[in-house]
């Protein structure tokens, strides 16, 4: 059973997160022909002060 883990900055709406989860699940199913019930998606929300890019906080 695959697990897709998404780390992103907090602040997205519940509707946006649901669309991300549905889209990732649908694409995984399309590519692998796996049943959607076997695909799990977790969104991990990160505070901006805990994320850096190129050594600088985002």
C-alpha atoms as a PDB file:
ATOM      1  CA  UNK A   1       0.000   0.000   0.000  1.00  0.00           C
ATOM      2  CA  UNK A   2       1.757   3.153  -1.170  1.00  0.00           C
ATOM      3  CA  UNK A   3       2.006   6.249   0.982  1.00  0.00           C
ATOM      4  CA  UNK A   4       2.502   9.649  -0.635  1.00  0.00           C
ATOM      5  CA  UNK A   5       3.918  12.175   1.847  1.00  0.00           C
ATOM      6  CA  UNK A   6       3.693  15.868   0.978  1.00  0.00           C
ATOM      7  CA  UNK A   7       5.510  18.478   3.063  1.00  0.00           C
ATOM      8  CA  UNK A   8       4.420  22.033   2.405  1.00  0.00           C
ATOM      9  CA  UNK A   9       4.175  25.391   4.103  1.00  0.00           C
ATOM     10  CA  UNK A  10       1.052  25.727   6.221  1.00  0.00           C
ATOM     11  CA  UNK A  11      -1.787  27.956   5.123  1.00  0.00           C
ATOM     12  CA  UNK A  12      -3.625  26.054   2.392  1.00  0.00           C
ATOM     13  CA  UNK A  13      -7.391  25.741   2.724  1.00  0.00           C
ATOM     14  CA  UNK A  14      -9.071  22.402   3.388  1.00  0.00           C
ATOM     15  CA  UNK A  15     -10.467  22.552  -0.161  1.00  0.00           C
ATOM     16  CA  UNK A  16      -6.978  23.013  -1.644  1.00  0.00           C
ATOM     17  CA  UNK A  17      -5.569  20.153   0.434  1.00  0.00           C
ATOM     18  CA  UNK A  18      -8.414  17.869  -0.640  1.00  0.00           C
ATOM     19  CA  UNK A  19      -7.768  18.709  -4.307  1.00  0.00           C
ATOM     20  CA  UNK A  20      -4.057  17.932  -3.845  1.00  0.00           C
ATOM     21  CA  UNK A  21      -4.875  14.594  -2.195  1.00  0.00           C
ATOM     22  CA  UNK A  22      -7.422  13.652  -4.856  1.00  0.00           C
ATOM     23  CA  UNK A  23      -5.118  14.689  -7.701  1.00  0.00           C
ATOM     24  CA  UNK A  24      -2.133  12.753  -6.361  1.00  0.00           C
ATOM     25  CA  UNK A  25      -4.282   9.680  -5.743  1.00  0.00           C
ATOM     26  CA  UNK A  26      -5.856   9.824  -9.215  1.00  0.00           C
ATOM     27  CA  UNK A  27      -2.496  10.230 -10.936  1.00  0.00           C
ATOM     28  CA  UNK A  28      -0.926   7.389  -8.960  1.00  0.00           C
ATOM     29  CA  UNK A  29      -3.874   5.150  -9.871  1.00  0.00           C
ATOM     30  CA  UNK A  30      -3.627   6.191 -13.542  1.00  0.00           C
ATOM     31  CA  UNK A  31       0.067   5.315 -13.723  1.00  0.00           C
ATOM     32  CA  UNK A  32       0.003   2.092 -11.681  1.00  0.00           C
ATOM     33  CA  UNK A  33      -3.550   0.802 -12.302  1.00  0.00           C
ATOM     34  CA  UNK A  34      -3.733   0.284  -8.539  1.00  0.00           C
ATOM     35  CA  UNK A  35      -7.022   0.573  -6.647  1.00  0.00           C
ATOM     36  CA  UNK A  36      -7.541   4.061  -5.114  1.00  0.00           C
ATOM     37  CA  UNK A  37      -8.391   2.407  -1.792  1.00  0.00           C
ATOM     38  CA  UNK A  38      -4.783   1.242  -1.537  1.00  0.00           C
ATOM     39  CA  UNK A  39      -3.276   4.732  -1.926  1.00  0.00           C
ATOM     40  CA  UNK A  40      -2.748   6.943   1.137  1.00  0.00           C
ATOM     41  CA  UNK A  41      -1.750  10.619   1.092  1.00  0.00           C
ATOM     42  CA  UNK A  42      -0.494  12.597   4.080  1.00  0.00           C
ATOM     43  CA  UNK A  43       0.013  16.357   3.993  1.00  0.00           C
ATOM     44  CA  UNK A  44       2.502  17.546   6.572  1.00  0.00           C
ATOM     45  CA  UNK A  45       2.161  21.288   7.160  1.00  0.00           C
ATOM     46  CA  UNK A  46       5.351  23.083   8.124  1.00  0.00           C
ATOM     47  CA  UNK A  47       5.613  26.503   9.740  1.00  0.00           C
ATOM     48  CA  UNK A  48       7.596  28.908   7.545  1.00  0.00           C
ATOM     49  CA  UNK A  49      10.152  29.399  10.330  1.00  0.00           C
ATOM     50  CA  UNK A  50      10.981  25.677  10.150  1.00  0.00           C
ATOM     51  CA  UNK A  51      11.715  25.549   6.409  1.00  0.00           C
ATOM     52  CA  UNK A  52      14.637  26.953   4.489  1.00  0.00           C
ATOM     53  CA  UNK A  53      15.734  26.996   0.881  1.00  0.00           C
ATOM     54  CA  UNK A  54      19.274  27.832  -0.156  1.00  0.00           C
ATOM     55  CA  UNK A  55      20.070  28.414   3.514  1.00  0.00           C
ATOM     56  CA  UNK A  56      17.373  31.091   3.974  1.00  0.00           C
ATOM     57  CA  UNK A  57      13.999  30.840   5.682  1.00  0.00           C
ATOM     58  CA  UNK A  58      11.053  30.888   3.338  1.00  0.00           C
END
